[in-house]
Amino acid sequence: MSASAPEPLRLGIVPYLNVAPVVHGLRGDPRFLLERDVPAQVAERLHRGEIDLGMIPSIEYAYGDYAIVPGIAIGSHGPVRSVRLFHRRPLPEIRRVALDTSSRTSVALLKILMRERLGRDPEYVPMSPSVPEMLEAADAALVIGDPALYFEGEAAWLDLGEEWRARTGLPFVFAFWAGRPGGVTTAQVARLQESLRAGLQAISTIASSYNGYGAGHGAENESYLRSNMVYDLGEAEVGGLREFYRRAHALGLIPRIPELRFHGHP
């Protein structure tokens, strides 16, 4: 009797343009099962053990016993475009901020930046990511992912990646692969790294075929993926990640400054 095939590795990913290059090379690979949800829910599913590995918001790493897949992240070295605070009043006058409930990392980052910029904490209210509705209910609206990237309404905005870089001189890491220590093999780590390399070689194809907010955004998508997104998790990015954890902990946004542990790799 032949041995049955091993169960596929269950991956939690988010359905945003910036994740497409990371998983591009996994299409059709039966060894991986891709399950899509918003970032906060991917993290919750990882916490509950419903997936083996999640592309989780970086702040979620402080709440679990996880290890990181080395060399892969979703980050920026400046303007990110897809994590923005839209506002119709000058920043010093902001008293109430509507928060996109999709990602806790961007919420924590905003709270750090607003405390440093304003010297105080505005009132924060969670809402679904609709910029017009959020700005009806608050002075400003934090929105992430495709809703932020493709918003074309009238509002001033603060790019959180750009603001972080200006204040720290460091990259910002928004998300990375994480899962239980020992839950991912060396071969699986290598395959995930290979998938990203394939995605980076296919940026033009990914950009032209992606239609999360309708067709016709090919040039805009390609500019975003090439100019705003950083997919490396090197020394500089790890430095930015550590600084984020330090500042988040100083404000009481996370219970501890987590030790960075990585899954074994070739």
C-alpha atoms as a PDB file:
ATOM      1  CA  MET A   1       0.000   0.000   0.000  1.00  0.00           C
ATOM      2  CA  SER A   2       1.442   3.363  -0.995  1.00  0.00           C
ATOM      3  CA  ALA A   3       1.829   6.064   1.629  1.00  0.00           C
ATOM      4  CA  SER A   4      -0.715   8.860   1.475  1.00  0.00           C
ATOM      5  CA  ALA A   5       0.446  12.324   0.532  1.00  0.00           C
ATOM      6  CA  PRO A   6       1.210  14.618   3.491  1.00  0.00           C
ATOM      7  CA  GLU A   7      -1.348  17.209   4.435  1.00  0.00           C
ATOM      8  CA  PRO A   8      -0.728  20.564   2.722  1.00  0.00           C
ATOM      9  CA  LEU A   9       0.670  23.427   4.775  1.00  0.00           C
ATOM     10  CA  ARG A  10      -2.227  25.758   5.551  1.00  0.00           C
ATOM     11  CA  LEU A  11      -1.263  29.360   4.777  1.00  0.00           C
ATOM     12  CA  GLY A  12      -3.278  32.368   5.863  1.00  0.00           C
ATOM     13  CA  ILE A  13      -2.928  35.313   3.491  1.00  0.00           C
ATOM     14  CA  VAL A  14      -4.710  38.586   2.866  1.00  0.00           C
ATOM     15  CA  PRO A  15      -6.392  39.415  -0.457  1.00  0.00           C
ATOM     16  CA  TYR A  16      -4.418  42.615  -1.082  1.00  0.00           C
ATOM     17  CA  LEU A  17      -2.239  43.499  -4.031  1.00  0.00           C
ATOM     18  CA  ASN A  18       0.899  43.745  -1.897  1.00  0.00           C
ATOM     19  CA  VAL A  19       0.690  40.057  -0.918  1.00  0.00           C
ATOM     20  CA  ALA A  20       0.343  38.782  -4.496  1.00  0.00           C
ATOM     21  CA  PRO A  21       4.112  38.613  -5.222  1.00  0.00           C
ATOM     22  CA  VAL A  22       4.732  36.644  -2.004  1.00  0.00           C
ATOM     23  CA  VAL A  23       2.446  33.769  -3.010  1.00  0.00           C
ATOM     24  CA  HIS A  24       2.775  34.021  -6.788  1.00  0.00           C
ATOM     25  CA  GLY A  25       5.058  31.014  -7.043  1.00  0.00           C
ATOM     26  CA  LEU A  26       2.758  28.773  -4.968  1.00  0.00           C
ATOM     27  CA  ARG A  27      -0.077  28.689  -7.483  1.00  0.00           C
ATOM     28  CA  GLY A  28      -1.047  25.125  -8.249  1.00  0.00           C
ATOM     29  CA  ASP A  29       1.360  23.653  -5.675  1.00  0.00           C
ATOM     30  CA  PRO A  30      -0.627  20.946  -3.815  1.00  0.00           C
ATOM     31  CA  ARG A  31       1.762  21.150  -0.865  1.00  0.00           C
ATOM     32  CA  PHE A  32       0.279  24.512   0.150  1.00  0.00           C
ATOM     33  CA  LEU A  33      -3.322  25.495   0.862  1.00  0.00           C
ATOM     34  CA  LEU A  34      -3.957  29.243   0.632  1.00  0.00           C
ATOM     35  CA  GLU A  35      -6.752  30.625   2.812  1.00  0.00           C
ATOM     36  CA  ARG A  36      -7.615  34.326   2.462  1.00  0.00           C
ATOM     37  CA  ASP A  37      -8.887  36.764   5.085  1.00  0.00           C
ATOM     38  CA  VAL A  38      -8.206  40.293   6.374  1.00  0.00           C
ATOM     39  CA  PRO A  39      -4.951  40.627   8.356  1.00  0.00           C
ATOM     40  CA  ALA A  40      -6.529  40.687  11.817  1.00  0.00           C
ATOM     41  CA  GLN A  41      -8.489  37.517  11.065  1.00  0.00           C
ATOM     42  CA  VAL A  42      -5.431  35.747   9.653  1.00  0.00           C
ATOM     43  CA  ALA A  43      -3.765  36.449  12.995  1.00  0.00           C
ATOM     44  CA  GLU A  44      -6.775  35.176  14.939  1.00  0.00           C
ATOM     45  CA  ARG A  45      -6.829  31.976  12.913  1.00  0.00           C
ATOM     46  CA  LEU A  46      -3.135  31.447  13.588  1.00  0.00           C
ATOM     47  CA  HIS A  47      -3.687  32.029  17.309  1.00  0.00           C
ATOM     48  CA  ARG A  48      -6.451  29.384  17.242  1.00  0.00           C
ATOM     49  CA  GLY A  49      -4.321  26.899  15.300  1.00  0.00           C
ATOM     50  CA  GLU A  50      -6.634  26.876  12.265  1.00  0.00           C
ATOM     51  CA  ILE A  51      -3.712  27.623   9.935  1.00  0.00           C
ATOM     52  CA  ASP A  52      -0.076  26.550  10.111  1.00  0.00           C
ATOM     53  CA  LEU A  53       1.534  29.752   8.924  1.00  0.00           C
ATOM     54  CA  GLY A  54       0.118  33.225   8.547  1.00  0.00           C
ATOM     55  CA  MET A  55       1.182  36.412   6.819  1.00  0.00           C
ATOM     56  CA  ILE A  56       0.391  38.205  10.057  1.00  0.00           C
ATOM     57  CA  PRO A  57       0.478  41.869  11.037  1.00  0.00           C
ATOM     58  CA  SER A  58       3.834  42.296  12.750  1.00  0.00           C
ATOM     59  CA  ILE A  59       2.330  43.365  16.078  1.00  0.00           C
ATOM     60  CA  GLU A  60       0.605  39.987  16.405  1.00  0.00           C
ATOM     61  CA  TYR A  61       3.992  38.326  16.859  1.00  0.00           C
ATOM     62  CA  ALA A  62       4.093  39.799  20.366  1.00  0.00           C
ATOM     63  CA  TYR A  63       0.981  37.805  21.341  1.00  0.00           C
ATOM     64  CA  GLY A  64       2.031  34.263  20.479  1.00  0.00           C
ATOM     65  CA  ASP A  65       4.760  31.657  20.591  1.00  0.00           C
ATOM     66  CA  TYR A  66       5.925  31.989  16.997  1.00  0.00           C
ATOM     67  CA  ALA A  67       8.938  31.861  14.731  1.00  0.00           C
ATOM     68  CA  ILE A  68       9.392  33.922  11.570  1.00  0.00           C
ATOM     69  CA  VAL A  69      10.144  32.687   8.071  1.00  0.00           C
ATOM     70  CA  PRO A  70      13.448  34.430   7.278  1.00  0.00           C
ATOM     71  CA  GLY A  71      13.992  36.765   4.372  1.00  0.00           C
ATOM     72  CA  ILE A  72      10.339  37.558   3.565  1.00  0.00           C
ATOM     73  CA  ALA A  73       8.297  40.535   4.726  1.00  0.00           C
ATOM     74  CA  ILE A  74       5.880  43.186   3.554  1.00  0.00           C
ATOM     75  CA  GLY A  75       7.377  46.540   4.369  1.00  0.00           C
ATOM     76  CA  SER A  76       8.460  49.946   3.134  1.00  0.00           C
ATOM     77  CA  HIS A  77      11.499  52.202   3.209  1.00  0.00           C
ATOM     78  CA  GLY A  78       9.377  55.336   3.016  1.00  0.00           C
ATOM     79  CA  PRO A  79       5.974  56.133   1.493  1.00  0.00           C
ATOM     80  CA  VAL A  80       3.842  52.985   1.442  1.00  0.00           C
ATOM     81  CA  ARG A  81       0.619  54.407  -0.110  1.00  0.00           C
ATOM     82  CA  SER A  82      -1.542  51.590   1.232  1.00  0.00           C
ATOM     83  CA  VAL A  83      -1.471  52.626   4.909  1.00  0.00           C
ATOM     84  CA  ARG A  84      -2.787  56.164   5.175  1.00  0.00           C
ATOM     85  CA  LEU A  85      -4.534  58.495   7.576  1.00  0.00           C
ATOM     86  CA  PHE A  86      -7.079  60.529   5.602  1.00  0.00           C
ATOM     87  CA  HIS A  87      -8.219  63.771   7.215  1.00  0.00           C
ATOM     88  CA  ARG A  88     -10.233  66.891   6.440  1.00  0.00           C
ATOM     89  CA  ARG A  89      -8.985  68.959   9.382  1.00  0.00           C
ATOM     90  CA  PRO A  90      -5.366  69.940  10.032  1.00  0.00           C
ATOM     91  CA  LEU A  91      -3.552  67.227  11.963  1.00  0.00           C
ATOM     92  CA  PRO A  92      -3.122  69.346  15.138  1.00  0.00           C
ATOM     93  CA  GLU A  93      -6.911  69.757  15.304  1.00  0.00           C
ATOM     94  CA  ILE A  94      -7.759  66.056  15.091  1.00  0.00           C
ATOM     95  CA  ARG A  95      -9.714  64.847  18.114  1.00  0.00           C
ATOM     96  CA  ARG A  96     -11.418  61.687  16.850  1.00  0.00           C
ATOM     97  CA  VAL A  97      -9.948  59.024  14.545  1.00  0.00           C
ATOM     98  CA  ALA A  98     -11.808  56.165  12.874  1.00  0.00           C
ATOM     99  CA  LEU A  99      -9.669  53.026  12.724  1.00  0.00           C
ATOM    100  CA  ASP A 100      -9.783  50.363  10.027  1.00  0.00           C
ATOM    101  CA  THR A 101     -10.515  47.134  11.921  1.00  0.00           C
ATOM    102  CA  SER A 102      -8.544  45.060   9.385  1.00  0.00           C
ATOM    103  CA  SER A 103      -5.052  45.389  10.898  1.00  0.00           C
ATOM    104  CA  ARG A 104      -3.790  45.952  14.412  1.00  0.00           C
ATOM    105  CA  THR A 105      -0.230  46.777  13.310  1.00  0.00           C
ATOM    106  CA  SER A 106      -1.261  49.906  11.455  1.00  0.00           C
ATOM    107  CA  VAL A 107      -3.445  50.934  14.392  1.00  0.00           C
ATOM    108  CA  ALA A 108      -0.487  50.601  16.760  1.00  0.00           C
ATOM    109  CA  LEU A 109       1.781  52.457  14.347  1.00  0.00           C
ATOM    110  CA  LEU A 110      -0.732  55.295  14.081  1.00  0.00           C
ATOM    111  CA  LYS A 111      -1.031  55.552  17.866  1.00  0.00           C
ATOM    112  CA  ILE A 112       2.758  55.783  18.168  1.00  0.00           C
ATOM    113  CA  LEU A 113       3.006  58.454  15.472  1.00  0.00           C
ATOM    114  CA  MET A 114       0.051  60.495  16.721  1.00  0.00           C
ATOM    115  CA  ARG A 115       1.375  60.518  20.283  1.00  0.00           C
ATOM    116  CA  GLU A 116       4.758  61.711  19.025  1.00  0.00           C
ATOM    117  CA  ARG A 117       3.322  64.238  16.587  1.00  0.00           C
ATOM    118  CA  LEU A 118       0.483  65.647  18.713  1.00  0.00           C
ATOM    119  CA  GLY A 119       1.775  64.969  22.217  1.00  0.00           C
ATOM    120  CA  ARG A 120      -1.604  63.447  23.083  1.00  0.00           C
ATOM    121  CA  ASP A 121      -3.988  60.632  22.175  1.00  0.00           C
ATOM    122  CA  PRO A 122      -7.072  61.373  20.077  1.00  0.00           C
ATOM    123  CA  GLU A 123     -10.234  59.368  20.642  1.00  0.00           C
ATOM    124  CA  TYR A 124     -10.088  56.195  18.564  1.00  0.00           C
ATOM    125  CA  VAL A 125     -13.164  54.400  17.223  1.00  0.00           C
ATOM    126  CA  PRO A 126     -13.062  51.138  15.192  1.00  0.00           C
ATOM    127  CA  MET A 127     -14.967  51.117  11.898  1.00  0.00           C
ATOM    128  CA  SER A 128     -15.206  49.190   8.647  1.00  0.00           C
ATOM    129  CA  PRO A 129     -12.843  50.558   5.956  1.00  0.00           C
ATOM    130  CA  SER A 130     -15.003  53.064   4.066  1.00  0.00           C
ATOM    131  CA  VAL A 131     -13.215  56.399   3.940  1.00  0.00           C
ATOM    132  CA  PRO A 132     -16.322  58.548   3.255  1.00  0.00           C
ATOM    133  CA  GLU A 133     -18.304  56.937   6.098  1.00  0.00           C
ATOM    134  CA  MET A 134     -15.335  57.113   8.462  1.00  0.00           C
ATOM    135  CA  LEU A 135     -14.830  60.806   7.750  1.00  0.00           C
ATOM    136  CA  GLU A 136     -18.513  61.422   8.422  1.00  0.00           C
ATOM    137  CA  ALA A 137     -18.032  59.971  11.903  1.00  0.00           C
ATOM    138  CA  ALA A 138     -14.563  61.272  12.754  1.00  0.00           C
ATOM    139  CA  ASP A 139     -11.950  63.909  11.961  1.00  0.00           C
ATOM    140  CA  ALA A 140      -9.621  61.362  10.374  1.00  0.00           C
ATOM    141  CA  ALA A 141      -9.685  57.820   9.025  1.00  0.00           C
ATOM    142  CA  LEU A 142      -6.950  55.195   9.126  1.00  0.00           C
ATOM    143  CA  VAL A 143      -7.325  52.819   6.177  1.00  0.00           C
ATOM    144  CA  ILE A 144      -5.027  50.024   4.999  1.00  0.00           C
ATOM    145  CA  GLY A 145      -4.578  47.813   1.962  1.00  0.00           C
ATOM    146  CA  ASP A 146      -6.481  48.214  -1.284  1.00  0.00           C
ATOM    147  CA  PRO A 147      -9.101  50.626   0.147  1.00  0.00           C
ATOM    148  CA  ALA A 148      -6.283  53.039   1.001  1.00  0.00           C
ATOM    149  CA  LEU A 149      -4.302  52.476  -2.189  1.00  0.00           C
ATOM    150  CA  TYR A 150      -7.224  53.105  -4.539  1.00  0.00           C
ATOM    151  CA  PHE A 151      -9.091  55.845  -2.679  1.00  0.00           C
ATOM    152  CA  GLU A 152      -9.705  58.814  -4.972  1.00  0.00           C
ATOM    153  CA  GLY A 153     -11.943  61.051  -2.874  1.00  0.00           C
ATOM    154  CA  GLU A 154     -11.153  64.515  -1.585  1.00  0.00           C
ATOM    155  CA  ALA A 155      -9.112  64.370   1.605  1.00  0.00           C
ATOM    156  CA  ALA A 156      -5.620  65.200   2.765  1.00  0.00           C
ATOM    157  CA  TRP A 157      -3.607  62.237   3.970  1.00  0.00           C
ATOM    158  CA  LEU A 158      -0.612  61.204   6.021  1.00  0.00           C
ATOM    159  CA  ASP A 159       1.381  58.228   4.736  1.00  0.00           C
ATOM    160  CA  LEU A 160       2.349  56.179   7.795  1.00  0.00           C
ATOM    161  CA  GLY A 161       5.341  54.535   6.133  1.00  0.00           C
ATOM    162  CA  GLU A 162       6.738  57.928   5.192  1.00  0.00           C
ATOM    163  CA  GLU A 163       6.088  59.364   8.658  1.00  0.00           C
ATOM    164  CA  TRP A 164       7.799  56.405  10.377  1.00  0.00           C
ATOM    165  CA  ARG A 165      10.848  56.758   8.142  1.00  0.00           C
ATOM    166  CA  ALA A 166      11.040  60.494   8.801  1.00  0.00           C
ATOM    167  CA  ARG A 167      10.930  59.955  12.572  1.00  0.00           C
ATOM    168  CA  THR A 168      13.205  56.910  12.881  1.00  0.00           C
ATOM    169  CA  GLY A 169      15.287  56.679   9.707  1.00  0.00           C
ATOM    170  CA  LEU A 170      14.290  52.996   9.601  1.00  0.00           C
ATOM    171  CA  PRO A 171      12.174  50.763   7.352  1.00  0.00           C
ATOM    172  CA  PHE A 172       8.799  49.629   8.629  1.00  0.00           C
ATOM    173  CA  VAL A 173       7.728  45.989   8.523  1.00  0.00           C
ATOM    174  CA  PHE A 174       3.963  45.602   8.292  1.00  0.00           C
ATOM    175  CA  ALA A 175       3.707  41.813   8.038  1.00  0.00           C
ATOM    176  CA  PHE A 176       5.651  38.564   7.718  1.00  0.00           C
ATOM    177  CA  TRP A 177       5.170  34.804   7.702  1.00  0.00           C
ATOM    178  CA  ALA A 178       4.975  33.391  11.241  1.00  0.00           C
ATOM    179  CA  GLY A 179       3.923  30.102  12.791  1.00  0.00           C
ATOM    180  CA  ARG A 180       4.629  27.743  15.643  1.00  0.00           C
ATOM    181  CA  PRO A 181       8.324  26.892  16.117  1.00  0.00           C
ATOM    182  CA  GLY A 182       9.093  23.629  14.355  1.00  0.00           C
ATOM    183  CA  GLY A 183       5.881  23.777  12.344  1.00  0.00           C
ATOM    184  CA  VAL A 184       7.608  24.539   9.039  1.00  0.00           C
ATOM    185  CA  THR A 185      10.334  22.421   7.480  1.00  0.00           C
ATOM    186  CA  THR A 186      13.543  23.684   5.917  1.00  0.00           C
ATOM    187  CA  ALA A 187      12.199  22.619   2.530  1.00  0.00           C
ATOM    188  CA  GLN A 188       8.984  24.574   3.068  1.00  0.00           C
ATOM    189  CA  VAL A 189      10.940  27.686   4.064  1.00  0.00           C
ATOM    190  CA  ALA A 190      13.005  27.372   0.899  1.00  0.00           C
ATOM    191  CA  ARG A 191       9.840  26.931  -1.167  1.00  0.00           C
ATOM    192  CA  LEU A 192       8.293  30.087   0.299  1.00  0.00           C
ATOM    193  CA  GLN A 193      11.453  32.042  -0.473  1.00  0.00           C
ATOM    194  CA  GLU A 194      11.417  30.643  -3.997  1.00  0.00           C
ATOM    195  CA  SER A 195       7.782  31.716  -4.376  1.00  0.00           C
ATOM    196  CA  LEU A 196       8.666  35.312  -3.535  1.00  0.00           C
ATOM    197  CA  ARG A 197      11.572  35.314  -6.006  1.00  0.00           C
ATOM    198  CA  ALA A 198       9.177  34.116  -8.703  1.00  0.00           C
ATOM    199  CA  GLY A 199       6.718  36.843  -7.765  1.00  0.00           C
ATOM    200  CA  LEU A 200       9.333  39.566  -7.957  1.00  0.00           C
ATOM    201  CA  GLN A 201      10.214  38.371 -11.463  1.00  0.00           C
ATOM    202  CA  ALA A 202       6.532  38.598 -12.439  1.00  0.00           C
ATOM    203  CA  ILE A 203       5.646  42.062 -11.110  1.00  0.00           C
ATOM    204  CA  SER A 204       4.424  43.333 -14.481  1.00  0.00           C
ATOM    205  CA  THR A 205       2.134  40.329 -14.940  1.00  0.00           C
ATOM    206  CA  ILE A 206       0.804  40.540 -11.389  1.00  0.00           C
ATOM    207  CA  ALA A 207       0.156  44.272 -11.704  1.00  0.00           C
ATOM    208  CA  SER A 208      -1.700  44.031 -15.016  1.00  0.00           C
ATOM    209  CA  SER A 209      -3.841  41.044 -14.026  1.00  0.00           C
ATOM    210  CA  TYR A 210      -4.821  42.206 -10.530  1.00  0.00           C
ATOM    211  CA  ASN A 211      -8.331  43.646 -10.447  1.00  0.00           C
ATOM    212  CA  GLY A 212      -9.204  43.867  -6.770  1.00  0.00           C
ATOM    213  CA  TYR A 213     -10.759  47.280  -7.406  1.00  0.00           C
ATOM    214  CA  GLY A 214     -11.560  46.799 -11.067  1.00  0.00           C
ATOM    215  CA  ALA A 215      -9.389  46.588 -14.137  1.00  0.00           C
ATOM    216  CA  GLY A 216      -7.346  49.427 -15.545  1.00  0.00           C
ATOM    217  CA  HIS A 217      -4.936  49.996 -12.660  1.00  0.00           C
ATOM    218  CA  GLY A 218      -1.994  48.113 -14.174  1.00  0.00           C
ATOM    219  CA  ALA A 219       0.467  51.010 -14.322  1.00  0.00           C
ATOM    220  CA  GLU A 220      -0.519  52.223 -10.849  1.00  0.00           C
ATOM    221  CA  ASN A 221      -0.229  48.693  -9.457  1.00  0.00           C
ATOM    222  CA  GLU A 222       3.219  48.197 -10.947  1.00  0.00           C
ATOM    223  CA  SER A 223       4.482  51.509  -9.621  1.00  0.00           C
ATOM    224  CA  TYR A 224       3.215  50.593  -6.149  1.00  0.00           C
ATOM    225  CA  LEU A 225       4.803  47.136  -6.132  1.00  0.00           C
ATOM    226  CA  ARG A 226       8.134  48.352  -7.476  1.00  0.00           C
ATOM    227  CA  SER A 227       8.491  51.732  -5.757  1.00  0.00           C
ATOM    228  CA  ASN A 228       6.638  51.445  -2.451  1.00  0.00           C
ATOM    229  CA  MET A 229       6.783  47.818  -1.387  1.00  0.00           C
ATOM    230  CA  VAL A 230       9.863  46.152   0.112  1.00  0.00           C
ATOM    231  CA  TYR A 231       9.792  42.358   0.442  1.00  0.00           C
ATOM    232  CA  ASP A 232      13.144  41.761   2.082  1.00  0.00           C
ATOM    233  CA  LEU A 233      13.561  41.014   5.776  1.00  0.00           C
ATOM    234  CA  GLY A 234      17.206  41.944   6.109  1.00  0.00           C
ATOM    235  CA  GLU A 235      19.223  43.650   8.810  1.00  0.00           C
ATOM    236  CA  ALA A 236      17.707  47.090   8.255  1.00  0.00           C
ATOM    237  CA  GLU A 237      14.140  45.751   8.282  1.00  0.00           C
ATOM    238  CA  VAL A 238      14.786  43.735  11.435  1.00  0.00           C
ATOM    239  CA  GLY A 239      16.127  46.916  13.020  1.00  0.00           C
ATOM    240  CA  GLY A 240      12.920  48.730  12.134  1.00  0.00           C
ATOM    241  CA  LEU A 241      10.872  45.870  13.529  1.00  0.00           C
ATOM    242  CA  ARG A 242      12.729  45.928  16.837  1.00  0.00           C
ATOM    243  CA  GLU A 243      12.238  49.695  17.118  1.00  0.00           C
ATOM    244  CA  PHE A 244       8.520  49.315  16.449  1.00  0.00           C
ATOM    245  CA  TYR A 245       8.222  46.759  19.237  1.00  0.00           C
ATOM    246  CA  ARG A 246      10.211  49.002  21.588  1.00  0.00           C
ATOM    247  CA  ARG A 247       7.972  52.014  20.965  1.00  0.00           C
ATOM    248  CA  ALA A 248       4.766  49.974  21.061  1.00  0.00           C
ATOM    249  CA  HIS A 249       5.745  48.470  24.392  1.00  0.00           C
ATOM    250  CA  ALA A 250       6.672  51.885  25.808  1.00  0.00           C
ATOM    251  CA  LEU A 251       3.097  53.035  25.119  1.00  0.00           C
ATOM    252  CA  GLY A 252       1.572  49.871  26.573  1.00  0.00           C
ATOM    253  CA  LEU A 253       0.311  48.675  23.179  1.00  0.00           C
ATOM    254  CA  ILE A 254       1.926  45.222  23.518  1.00  0.00           C
ATOM    255  CA  PRO A 255       2.617  43.182  26.672  1.00  0.00           C
ATOM    256  CA  ARG A 256       6.294  42.552  25.933  1.00  0.00           C
ATOM    257  CA  ILE A 257       9.119  43.217  23.504  1.00  0.00           C
ATOM    258  CA  PRO A 258       9.281  39.839  21.759  1.00  0.00           C
ATOM    259  CA  GLU A 259      12.480  37.989  20.974  1.00  0.00           C
ATOM    260  CA  LEU A 260      12.830  37.492  17.226  1.00  0.00           C
ATOM    261  CA  ARG A 261      13.129  33.808  16.372  1.00  0.00           C
ATOM    262  CA  PHE A 262      13.351  32.381  12.871  1.00  0.00           C
ATOM    263  CA  HIS A 263      12.466  29.061  11.279  1.00  0.00           C
ATOM    264  CA  GLY A 264      15.483  27.123  10.067  1.00  0.00           C
ATOM    265  CA  HIS A 265      16.517  27.761   6.499  1.00  0.00           C
ATOM    266  CA  PRO A 266      19.185  26.530   4.077  1.00  0.00           C
END
